[in-house]
Structure formats: structure tokens, C-alpha cells
Amino acid sequence: MPATRHHGNTHTGRVRAHNEDAFLADANLGLFVVCDGVGGRARGEIASQETVEFIHDWVRSDTTDIEIGKTRPLEPANVQRLGALVRGAIQNACYMVHSMGEMDPERRGMSTTASVALVAGGVAIIGWAGDSRVYLAHGPEITQLTDDHTLVNYQVKQGVLTPDQARHSRMKHVITRAVGHRDFVEVDIRTVPLQPGDKLLLCSDGLHEYLDASHTLQEMFALEVQQAAREAIRHANEQGGRDNITALFVEYLGPGATPVAAPASRDGAA
């Protein structure tokens, strides 16, 4: 399998009382997920944790094309099926979370963002709903692979707001797609080729709202993945830590390498 090295950290931040973020990393599957729960009293932390676990189980249930990718590059048909697998995982998680809320008044209205990276056969399949982001570092070039499903991002596309106005808007955290808000969510899918040494960052908005400076991400991606995840948490808290913070760094090592996973931490020292 095209192997990866990864490390993830999550932290409550300096303002929130509890952490509604969740993440998952399975190097054997090449599956990486970050979710940011929405709901507060509606138990967003349950939505995010249930979603990462459901996505994990869904992908584990159909590993045919993942196994093919362990021995050779994937054909377009394999990639298309993996895209459908990721989309199906997120959409069925949406139905599950919504149903949980409908059955329990204390959980009604809970939902979560979801960003997924599935690495197989020299490509990364990226799927997302909401505003948790995925970035790719290829040498010095950094690309945001996801497009925020937020009200202000929609307004920027329509020419109603400038990017600078959007960054300072009080509505910047209003999301337009979420897993569990309704019984169905539209999921965006993107496929990108990977080269050995490429790195991915999956993160919640508690981190990426502090990444406007162009050099900040470059400095983080230049670090070893465990150090980068710790630095991301430290940076966000130093900038205010207004929300829960999650950073999951993934380095693609290339075919024939051995998957390496550094220990993950939750609310650990940054």
C-alpha cells in the first residue's frame, strides 16, 4: 500500500468549555477524517464522533479497490469507485446522525462537518461537507483542496463580499452543508495525484481561521508531522483559541514504504 506517516492533535482551545471536534486516522486503510461538531446543547461532540466511526466502518466494509492500490496504480474505474465509496460513507453517516437526532430530543439538531482523505494507489480521494479543510503541500506549493461550504464563501463567489470582508464577518462560521442537519447532504469529491514527500493537512476551522498568513502553513508543513501537529495547536491557541482546534498531518511516503503512525493526543500539551 502507498504508505503514510501521520499525526493528529485535537484541543478544546482557550474559550470553549468542551471539545466537539473528532478525528480518525487508519494508516492501513489510508483513511483520514476530521469532523467539527455543530449543536452545543444538541451534542455536537456525539455527531462528530459517531460520524468518524461510521465513515471508518463504511470504508472498511469495501476494501477491494484499496487492496488493488497496494500493488499497482489505480485505473480510472478504481478511482471512480473509491470516490463513490467516500461519498457514500459521508452521506450515509448524514442519514444516521439525523436519525439519531430525530429519535432523541436531547440530540435533535446535532450535526457535524466532515472532511475525508482516502490515500490509495498514488492518489488522494478528498470528500467533504462543511468547512473543515484539507490542504496539500507539494514541495513549496500549498493548495487548499476543499471549498468551504459557508454562507460567506457563497457570498464571496456571488460578489456580495470581498475575501477580506468575509474573513471579518460575524457570519463566517455559518455553514451551508452539514452531516446530520437533514437526512441528506451533498458531498463534494476531488481526486489529486500524490508524489513521495507530499503532505496533507486536515483541520477544523478552529485552526484554519488563523492560517491567513502565507508563511504560517509553509512553516508547519516543513516540520515533521508530529511536531507540525503540535505547532498547529500551539499557534491557534496563541492566536486566541476561540474554537476547538484539530490538526491531522499526513505525509505520503510512496509505494513500498511501511506505514508509520505517531501517537495521537486529545487535549494534550501544545
C-alpha atoms as a PDB file:
ATOM      1  CA  MET A   1       0.000   0.000   0.000  1.00  0.00           C
ATOM      2  CA  PRO A   2       1.210   3.522  -0.713  1.00  0.00           C
ATOM      3  CA  ALA A   3       2.248   4.187   2.864  1.00  0.00           C
ATOM      4  CA  THR A   4       1.790   7.251   5.033  1.00  0.00           C
ATOM      5  CA  ARG A   5       3.165   8.753   8.183  1.00  0.00           C
ATOM      6  CA  HIS A   6       0.655  10.761  10.192  1.00  0.00           C
ATOM      7  CA  HIS A   7       0.000  12.548  13.449  1.00  0.00           C
ATOM      8  CA  GLY A   8      -3.107  14.283  14.746  1.00  0.00           C
ATOM      9  CA  ASN A   9      -3.880  16.504  17.721  1.00  0.00           C
ATOM     10  CA  THR A  10      -7.139  17.999  18.941  1.00  0.00           C
ATOM     11  CA  HIS A  11      -7.633  20.607  21.675  1.00  0.00           C
ATOM     12  CA  THR A  12     -10.585  22.383  23.279  1.00  0.00           C
ATOM     13  CA  GLY A  13      -8.977  25.790  22.748  1.00  0.00           C
ATOM     14  CA  ARG A  14      -8.997  28.705  25.164  1.00  0.00           C
ATOM     15  CA  VAL A  15     -12.681  29.699  25.067  1.00  0.00           C
ATOM     16  CA  ARG A  16     -14.973  26.674  24.628  1.00  0.00           C
ATOM     17  CA  ALA A  17     -15.976  24.543  27.605  1.00  0.00           C
ATOM     18  CA  HIS A  18     -15.714  21.214  25.771  1.00  0.00           C
ATOM     19  CA  ASN A  19     -14.396  19.769  22.532  1.00  0.00           C
ATOM     20  CA  GLU A  20     -16.847  18.933  19.732  1.00  0.00           C
ATOM     21  CA  ASP A  21     -14.107  18.045  17.218  1.00  0.00           C
ATOM     22  CA  ALA A  22     -13.149  14.458  16.410  1.00  0.00           C
ATOM     23  CA  PHE A  23     -10.624  12.854  14.084  1.00  0.00           C
ATOM     24  CA  LEU A  24      -9.623   9.406  12.894  1.00  0.00           C
ATOM     25  CA  ALA A  25      -6.537   8.009  11.179  1.00  0.00           C
ATOM     26  CA  ASP A  26      -6.114   4.473   9.854  1.00  0.00           C
ATOM     27  CA  ALA A  27      -2.790   4.096   8.029  1.00  0.00           C
ATOM     28  CA  ASN A  28      -3.597   0.545   6.919  1.00  0.00           C
ATOM     29  CA  LEU A  29      -6.691   1.761   5.057  1.00  0.00           C
ATOM     30  CA  GLY A  30      -5.120   5.096   4.110  1.00  0.00           C
ATOM     31  CA  LEU A  31      -8.177   6.779   5.656  1.00  0.00           C
ATOM     32  CA  PHE A  32      -8.059  10.122   7.457  1.00  0.00           C
ATOM     33  CA  VAL A  33     -11.078  12.052   8.772  1.00  0.00           C
ATOM     34  CA  VAL A  34     -11.694  15.318  10.628  1.00  0.00           C
ATOM     35  CA  CYS A  35     -15.134  16.349  11.905  1.00  0.00           C
ATOM     36  CA  ASP A  36     -16.247  19.507  13.707  1.00  0.00           C
ATOM     37  CA  GLY A  37     -19.488  19.022  15.622  1.00  0.00           C
ATOM     38  CA  VAL A  38     -22.286  21.582  15.500  1.00  0.00           C
ATOM     39  CA  GLY A  39     -25.018  21.886  18.068  1.00  0.00           C
ATOM     40  CA  GLY A  40     -23.731  22.867  21.505  1.00  0.00           C
ATOM     41  CA  ARG A  41     -26.514  21.611  23.755  1.00  0.00           C
ATOM     42  CA  ALA A  42     -27.635  19.403  20.855  1.00  0.00           C
ATOM     43  CA  ARG A  43     -24.482  17.326  21.439  1.00  0.00           C
ATOM     44  CA  GLY A  44     -22.257  18.175  18.504  1.00  0.00           C
ATOM     45  CA  GLU A  45     -19.497  16.066  20.051  1.00  0.00           C
ATOM     46  CA  ILE A  46     -21.680  12.981  19.606  1.00  0.00           C
ATOM     47  CA  ALA A  47     -22.348  13.860  15.967  1.00  0.00           C
ATOM     48  CA  SER A  48     -18.643  14.241  15.195  1.00  0.00           C
ATOM     49  CA  GLN A  49     -17.527  11.077  16.990  1.00  0.00           C
ATOM     50  CA  GLU A  50     -20.321   8.942  15.542  1.00  0.00           C
ATOM     51  CA  THR A  51     -19.511  10.273  12.070  1.00  0.00           C
ATOM     52  CA  VAL A  52     -15.802   9.442  12.144  1.00  0.00           C
ATOM     53  CA  GLU A  53     -16.622   5.949  13.407  1.00  0.00           C
ATOM     54  CA  PHE A  54     -19.348   5.388  10.817  1.00  0.00           C
ATOM     55  CA  ILE A  55     -17.123   6.560   7.950  1.00  0.00           C
ATOM     56  CA  HIS A  56     -14.380   4.226   9.192  1.00  0.00           C
ATOM     57  CA  ASP A  57     -16.754   1.253   9.305  1.00  0.00           C
ATOM     58  CA  TRP A  58     -18.230   2.079   5.888  1.00  0.00           C
ATOM     59  CA  VAL A  59     -14.841   2.228   4.170  1.00  0.00           C
ATOM     60  CA  ARG A  60     -13.645  -0.947   5.916  1.00  0.00           C
ATOM     61  CA  SER A  61     -16.675  -2.756   4.510  1.00  0.00           C
ATOM     62  CA  ASP A  62     -15.428  -2.434   0.906  1.00  0.00           C
ATOM     63  CA  THR A  63     -11.645  -2.514   0.561  1.00  0.00           C
ATOM     64  CA  THR A  64     -11.418  -4.128  -2.893  1.00  0.00           C
ATOM     65  CA  ASP A  65     -10.031  -1.087  -4.693  1.00  0.00           C
ATOM     66  CA  ILE A  66      -7.894  -0.109  -1.699  1.00  0.00           C
ATOM     67  CA  GLU A  67      -6.252  -3.538  -1.844  1.00  0.00           C
ATOM     68  CA  ILE A  68      -5.640  -3.137  -5.579  1.00  0.00           C
ATOM     69  CA  GLY A  69      -3.925   0.176  -4.858  1.00  0.00           C
ATOM     70  CA  LYS A  70      -1.439  -1.573  -2.577  1.00  0.00           C
ATOM     71  CA  THR A  71       0.228  -3.316  -5.516  1.00  0.00           C
ATOM     72  CA  ARG A  72      -0.240  -1.027  -8.511  1.00  0.00           C
ATOM     73  CA  PRO A  73      -1.510   2.393  -9.607  1.00  0.00           C
ATOM     74  CA  LEU A  74      -5.277   2.622  -9.781  1.00  0.00           C
ATOM     75  CA  GLU A  75      -7.185   2.698 -13.038  1.00  0.00           C
ATOM     76  CA  PRO A  76      -9.814   5.438 -13.573  1.00  0.00           C
ATOM     77  CA  ALA A  77     -12.603   2.969 -12.780  1.00  0.00           C
ATOM     78  CA  ASN A  78     -10.971   2.141  -9.423  1.00  0.00           C
ATOM     79  CA  VAL A  79     -10.647   5.823  -8.580  1.00  0.00           C
ATOM     80  CA  GLN A  80     -14.268   6.443  -9.524  1.00  0.00           C
ATOM     81  CA  ARG A  81     -15.421   3.643  -7.227  1.00  0.00           C
ATOM     82  CA  LEU A  82     -13.329   4.975  -4.357  1.00  0.00           C
ATOM     83  CA  GLY A  83     -14.874   8.399  -4.862  1.00  0.00           C
ATOM     84  CA  ALA A  84     -18.303   6.798  -4.665  1.00  0.00           C
ATOM     85  CA  LEU A  85     -17.210   4.938  -1.526  1.00  0.00           C
ATOM     86  CA  VAL A  86     -16.168   8.159   0.221  1.00  0.00           C
ATOM     87  CA  ARG A  87     -19.334   9.962  -0.890  1.00  0.00           C
ATOM     88  CA  GLY A  88     -21.472   7.064   0.306  1.00  0.00           C
ATOM     89  CA  ALA A  89     -19.699   6.984   3.667  1.00  0.00           C
ATOM     90  CA  ILE A  90     -20.401  10.666   4.339  1.00  0.00           C
ATOM     91  CA  GLN A  91     -23.960  10.610   3.029  1.00  0.00           C
ATOM     92  CA  ASN A  92     -24.942   7.519   4.999  1.00  0.00           C
ATOM     93  CA  ALA A  93     -23.325   8.997   8.100  1.00  0.00           C
ATOM     94  CA  CYS A  94     -25.560  12.004   7.498  1.00  0.00           C
ATOM     95  CA  TYR A  95     -28.671   9.836   7.488  1.00  0.00           C
ATOM     96  CA  MET A  96     -27.517   8.038  10.637  1.00  0.00           C
ATOM     97  CA  VAL A  97     -26.770  11.225  12.609  1.00  0.00           C
ATOM     98  CA  HIS A  98     -30.017  12.859  11.525  1.00  0.00           C
ATOM     99  CA  SER A  99     -31.967   9.762  12.595  1.00  0.00           C
ATOM    100  CA  MET A 100     -30.269   9.785  15.997  1.00  0.00           C
ATOM    101  CA  GLY A 101     -31.382  13.372  16.481  1.00  0.00           C
ATOM    102  CA  GLU A 102     -34.938  12.613  15.443  1.00  0.00           C
ATOM    103  CA  MET A 103     -35.174   9.774  17.956  1.00  0.00           C
ATOM    104  CA  ASP A 104     -33.679  11.652  20.931  1.00  0.00           C
ATOM    105  CA  PRO A 105     -34.908  15.198  21.783  1.00  0.00           C
ATOM    106  CA  GLU A 106     -31.622  15.934  23.590  1.00  0.00           C
ATOM    107  CA  ARG A 107     -29.734  15.309  20.356  1.00  0.00           C
ATOM    108  CA  ARG A 108     -32.160  16.964  17.945  1.00  0.00           C
ATOM    109  CA  GLY A 109     -30.335  19.410  15.687  1.00  0.00           C
ATOM    110  CA  MET A 110     -26.880  17.946  16.186  1.00  0.00           C
ATOM    111  CA  SER A 111     -24.693  17.828  13.098  1.00  0.00           C
ATOM    112  CA  THR A 112     -21.064  17.974  12.055  1.00  0.00           C
ATOM    113  CA  THR A 113     -18.715  18.896   9.259  1.00  0.00           C
ATOM    114  CA  ALA A 114     -16.735  16.076   7.672  1.00  0.00           C
ATOM    115  CA  SER A 115     -13.551  16.139   5.638  1.00  0.00           C
ATOM    116  CA  VAL A 116     -12.082  12.846   4.422  1.00  0.00           C
ATOM    117  CA  ALA A 117      -8.859  11.872   2.672  1.00  0.00           C
ATOM    118  CA  LEU A 118      -8.520   8.325   1.346  1.00  0.00           C
ATOM    119  CA  VAL A 119      -4.985   7.619   0.095  1.00  0.00           C
ATOM    120  CA  ALA A 120      -4.640   4.665  -2.290  1.00  0.00           C
ATOM    121  CA  GLY A 121      -2.727   3.797  -5.440  1.00  0.00           C
ATOM    122  CA  GLY A 122      -0.837   7.080  -5.650  1.00  0.00           C
ATOM    123  CA  VAL A 123      -3.864   9.343  -5.340  1.00  0.00           C
ATOM    124  CA  ALA A 124      -5.833  11.015  -2.557  1.00  0.00           C
ATOM    125  CA  ILE A 125      -9.610  10.934  -2.754  1.00  0.00           C
ATOM    126  CA  ILE A 126     -10.898  14.015  -0.919  1.00  0.00           C
ATOM    127  CA  GLY A 127     -14.539  14.241   0.177  1.00  0.00           C
ATOM    128  CA  TRP A 128     -16.141  16.916   2.309  1.00  0.00           C
ATOM    129  CA  ALA A 129     -19.265  18.627   3.604  1.00  0.00           C
ATOM    130  CA  GLY A 130     -18.944  21.787   5.675  1.00  0.00           C
ATOM    131  CA  ASP A 131     -15.920  23.960   6.350  1.00  0.00           C
ATOM    132  CA  SER A 132     -13.285  21.609   7.758  1.00  0.00           C
ATOM    133  CA  ARG A 133     -10.458  21.889   5.251  1.00  0.00           C
ATOM    134  CA  VAL A 134      -7.866  19.747   3.503  1.00  0.00           C
ATOM    135  CA  TYR A 135      -4.604  21.295   2.294  1.00  0.00           C
ATOM    136  CA  LEU A 136      -1.910  19.733   0.092  1.00  0.00           C
ATOM    137  CA  ALA A 137       1.775  20.627   0.239  1.00  0.00           C
ATOM    138  CA  HIS A 138       3.711  19.626  -2.869  1.00  0.00           C
ATOM    139  CA  GLY A 139       7.216  20.963  -2.388  1.00  0.00           C
ATOM    140  CA  PRO A 140       6.877  24.704  -1.685  1.00  0.00           C
ATOM    141  CA  GLU A 141       3.426  24.833  -3.303  1.00  0.00           C
ATOM    142  CA  ILE A 142       0.430  24.687  -0.946  1.00  0.00           C
ATOM    143  CA  THR A 143      -3.107  24.188  -2.276  1.00  0.00           C
ATOM    144  CA  GLN A 144      -6.414  24.275  -0.427  1.00  0.00           C
ATOM    145  CA  LEU A 145      -8.176  21.214  -1.836  1.00  0.00           C
ATOM    146  CA  THR A 146     -11.582  21.863  -0.251  1.00  0.00           C
ATOM    147  CA  ASP A 147     -14.024  24.703  -0.763  1.00  0.00           C
ATOM    148  CA  ASP A 148     -15.751  25.976   2.392  1.00  0.00           C
ATOM    149  CA  HIS A 149     -19.476  25.282   2.476  1.00  0.00           C
ATOM    150  CA  THR A 150     -20.245  28.519   4.317  1.00  0.00           C
ATOM    151  CA  LEU A 151     -22.577  31.440   3.826  1.00  0.00           C
ATOM    152  CA  VAL A 152     -19.751  33.969   3.486  1.00  0.00           C
ATOM    153  CA  ASN A 153     -17.878  31.842   0.938  1.00  0.00           C
ATOM    154  CA  TYR A 154     -21.063  31.696  -1.130  1.00  0.00           C
ATOM    155  CA  GLN A 155     -21.368  35.487  -0.827  1.00  0.00           C
ATOM    156  CA  VAL A 156     -17.765  35.921  -1.977  1.00  0.00           C
ATOM    157  CA  LYS A 157     -18.460  33.767  -5.047  1.00  0.00           C
ATOM    158  CA  GLN A 158     -21.545  35.873  -5.796  1.00  0.00           C
ATOM    159  CA  GLY A 159     -19.550  39.111  -5.459  1.00  0.00           C
ATOM    160  CA  VAL A 160     -21.537  40.254  -2.408  1.00  0.00           C
ATOM    161  CA  LEU A 161     -18.475  40.212  -0.124  1.00  0.00           C
ATOM    162  CA  THR A 162     -14.759  40.607  -0.698  1.00  0.00           C
ATOM    163  CA  PRO A 163     -12.462  37.929   0.752  1.00  0.00           C
ATOM    164  CA  ASP A 164     -11.300  40.409   3.388  1.00  0.00           C
ATOM    165  CA  GLN A 165     -14.881  41.239   4.375  1.00  0.00           C
ATOM    166  CA  ALA A 166     -15.634  37.529   4.612  1.00  0.00           C
ATOM    167  CA  ARG A 167     -12.698  36.957   6.975  1.00  0.00           C
ATOM    168  CA  HIS A 168     -14.071  39.573   9.374  1.00  0.00           C
ATOM    169  CA  SER A 169     -17.770  38.791   9.007  1.00  0.00           C
ATOM    170  CA  ARG A 170     -19.732  37.774  12.109  1.00  0.00           C
ATOM    171  CA  MET A 171     -21.417  35.181   9.876  1.00  0.00           C
ATOM    172  CA  LYS A 172     -18.210  33.441   8.769  1.00  0.00           C
ATOM    173  CA  HIS A 173     -18.943  30.305  10.792  1.00  0.00           C
ATOM    174  CA  VAL A 174     -22.443  29.761   9.357  1.00  0.00           C
ATOM    175  CA  ILE A 175     -22.161  26.567   7.321  1.00  0.00           C
ATOM    176  CA  THR A 176     -24.432  25.672   4.415  1.00  0.00           C
ATOM    177  CA  ARG A 177     -23.835  21.903   4.454  1.00  0.00           C
ATOM    178  CA  ALA A 178     -23.537  19.608   7.456  1.00  0.00           C
ATOM    179  CA  VAL A 179     -23.699  15.901   8.202  1.00  0.00           C
ATOM    180  CA  GLY A 180     -26.937  15.287  10.117  1.00  0.00           C
ATOM    181  CA  HIS A 181     -28.623  18.668   9.740  1.00  0.00           C
ATOM    182  CA  ARG A 182     -31.040  16.982   7.334  1.00  0.00           C
ATOM    183  CA  ASP A 183     -31.276  13.363   6.246  1.00  0.00           C
ATOM    184  CA  PHE A 184     -29.204  14.034   3.098  1.00  0.00           C
ATOM    185  CA  VAL A 185     -26.151  16.147   2.349  1.00  0.00           C
ATOM    186  CA  GLU A 186     -24.441  16.882  -0.947  1.00  0.00           C
ATOM    187  CA  VAL A 187     -20.801  15.790  -0.823  1.00  0.00           C
ATOM    188  CA  ASP A 188     -18.009  17.238  -2.948  1.00  0.00           C
ATOM    189  CA  ILE A 189     -15.315  14.840  -4.197  1.00  0.00           C
ATOM    190  CA  ARG A 190     -11.879  15.722  -5.538  1.00  0.00           C
ATOM    191  CA  THR A 191      -9.031  13.447  -6.637  1.00  0.00           C
ATOM    192  CA  VAL A 192      -5.390  14.560  -6.563  1.00  0.00           C
ATOM    193  CA  PRO A 193      -2.224  12.652  -7.540  1.00  0.00           C
ATOM    194  CA  LEU A 194       0.442  12.268  -4.855  1.00  0.00           C
ATOM    195  CA  GLN A 195       4.219  12.149  -5.024  1.00  0.00           C
ATOM    196  CA  PRO A 196       6.505  10.836  -2.259  1.00  0.00           C
ATOM    197  CA  GLY A 197       7.068  13.644   0.226  1.00  0.00           C
ATOM    198  CA  ASP A 198       3.702  15.305  -0.393  1.00  0.00           C
ATOM    199  CA  LYS A 199       1.816  16.204   2.778  1.00  0.00           C
ATOM    200  CA  LEU A 200      -1.860  16.690   3.592  1.00  0.00           C
ATOM    201  CA  LEU A 201      -3.379  18.680   6.438  1.00  0.00           C
ATOM    202  CA  LEU A 202      -6.958  18.004   7.527  1.00  0.00           C
ATOM    203  CA  CYS A 203      -8.164  20.605  10.031  1.00  0.00           C
ATOM    204  CA  SER A 204     -11.189  22.211  11.649  1.00  0.00           C
ATOM    205  CA  ASP A 205     -11.956  25.919  11.382  1.00  0.00           C
ATOM    206  CA  GLY A 206     -10.539  26.401  14.865  1.00  0.00           C
ATOM    207  CA  LEU A 207      -7.141  26.131  13.161  1.00  0.00           C
ATOM    208  CA  HIS A 208      -7.647  27.376   9.627  1.00  0.00           C
ATOM    209  CA  GLU A 209      -9.116  30.720  10.706  1.00  0.00           C
ATOM    210  CA  TYR A 210      -5.577  31.522  11.911  1.00  0.00           C
ATOM    211  CA  LEU A 211      -3.788  30.473   8.724  1.00  0.00           C
ATOM    212  CA  ASP A 212      -4.214  33.631   6.645  1.00  0.00           C
ATOM    213  CA  ALA A 213      -0.506  34.489   6.716  1.00  0.00           C
ATOM    214  CA  SER A 214       1.054  32.763   3.710  1.00  0.00           C
ATOM    215  CA  HIS A 215       4.181  31.718   5.624  1.00  0.00           C
ATOM    216  CA  THR A 216       2.323  30.045   8.500  1.00  0.00           C
ATOM    217  CA  LEU A 217       1.309  26.894   6.610  1.00  0.00           C
ATOM    218  CA  GLN A 218       4.665  26.670   4.877  1.00  0.00           C
ATOM    219  CA  GLU A 219       6.437  26.669   8.225  1.00  0.00           C
ATOM    220  CA  MET A 220       4.118  23.957   9.585  1.00  0.00           C
ATOM    221  CA  PHE A 221       4.429  21.723   6.518  1.00  0.00           C
ATOM    222  CA  ALA A 222       8.228  22.000   6.753  1.00  0.00           C
ATOM    223  CA  LEU A 223       8.123  20.250  10.135  1.00  0.00           C
ATOM    224  CA  GLU A 224       7.968  16.513  10.832  1.00  0.00           C
ATOM    225  CA  VAL A 225       4.295  15.521  11.111  1.00  0.00           C
ATOM    226  CA  GLN A 226       4.242  15.033  14.902  1.00  0.00           C
ATOM    227  CA  GLN A 227       5.933  18.375  15.501  1.00  0.00           C
ATOM    228  CA  ALA A 228       3.669  20.052  12.911  1.00  0.00           C
ATOM    229  CA  ALA A 229       0.504  18.892  14.669  1.00  0.00           C
ATOM    230  CA  ARG A 230       1.755  20.203  17.992  1.00  0.00           C
ATOM    231  CA  GLU A 231       2.783  23.501  16.431  1.00  0.00           C
ATOM    232  CA  ALA A 232      -0.650  23.888  14.829  1.00  0.00           C
ATOM    233  CA  ILE A 233      -2.388  23.576  18.206  1.00  0.00           C
ATOM    234  CA  ARG A 234       0.094  25.956  19.827  1.00  0.00           C
ATOM    235  CA  HIS A 235      -0.305  28.520  17.027  1.00  0.00           C
ATOM    236  CA  ALA A 236      -4.110  28.515  17.160  1.00  0.00           C
ATOM    237  CA  ASN A 237      -4.154  28.881  20.948  1.00  0.00           C
ATOM    238  CA  GLU A 238      -1.565  31.637  20.799  1.00  0.00           C
ATOM    239  CA  GLN A 239      -3.759  33.497  18.294  1.00  0.00           C
ATOM    240  CA  GLY A 240      -6.771  33.306  20.608  1.00  0.00           C
ATOM    241  CA  GLY A 241      -8.019  29.711  20.550  1.00  0.00           C
ATOM    242  CA  ARG A 242     -11.606  30.875  20.056  1.00  0.00           C
ATOM    243  CA  ASP A 243     -12.826  27.453  18.909  1.00  0.00           C
ATOM    244  CA  ASN A 244     -11.923  23.785  19.201  1.00  0.00           C
ATOM    245  CA  ILE A 245      -8.746  23.007  17.272  1.00  0.00           C
ATOM    246  CA  THR A 246      -7.913  19.868  15.295  1.00  0.00           C
ATOM    247  CA  ALA A 247      -4.919  19.262  13.033  1.00  0.00           C
ATOM    248  CA  LEU A 248      -4.165  15.956  11.288  1.00  0.00           C
ATOM    249  CA  PHE A 249      -0.980  15.918   9.184  1.00  0.00           C
ATOM    250  CA  VAL A 250      -0.372  13.092   6.708  1.00  0.00           C
ATOM    251  CA  GLU A 251       2.850  12.513   4.758  1.00  0.00           C
ATOM    252  CA  TYR A 252       2.795  10.291   1.674  1.00  0.00           C
ATOM    253  CA  LEU A 253       5.887   8.092   1.686  1.00  0.00           C
ATOM    254  CA  GLY A 254       5.344   6.324  -1.626  1.00  0.00           C
ATOM    255  CA  PRO A 255       4.899   2.680  -2.732  1.00  0.00           C
ATOM    256  CA  GLY A 256       6.707   0.032  -0.776  1.00  0.00           C
ATOM    257  CA  ALA A 257       7.139   2.024   2.416  1.00  0.00           C
ATOM    258  CA  THR A 258       5.898   0.889   5.804  1.00  0.00           C
ATOM    259  CA  PRO A 259       3.000   2.854   7.343  1.00  0.00           C
ATOM    260  CA  VAL A 260       4.100   4.804  10.407  1.00  0.00           C
ATOM    261  CA  ALA A 261       1.686   6.354  12.907  1.00  0.00           C
ATOM    262  CA  ALA A 262       2.858   8.585  15.721  1.00  0.00           C
ATOM    263  CA  PRO A 263       0.613   8.513  18.820  1.00  0.00           C
ATOM    264  CA  ALA A 264      -2.355  10.870  18.612  1.00  0.00           C
ATOM    265  CA  SER A 265      -3.349  13.068  21.538  1.00  0.00           C
ATOM    266  CA  ARG A 266      -6.511  14.788  22.699  1.00  0.00           C
ATOM    267  CA  ASP A 267      -6.335  17.994  24.746  1.00  0.00           C
ATOM    268  CA  GLY A 268      -2.656  17.322  25.270  1.00  0.00           C
ATOM    269  CA  ALA A 269       0.020  19.948  25.765  1.00  0.00           C
ATOM    270  CA  ALA A 270       0.638  22.005  22.663  1.00  0.00           C
END
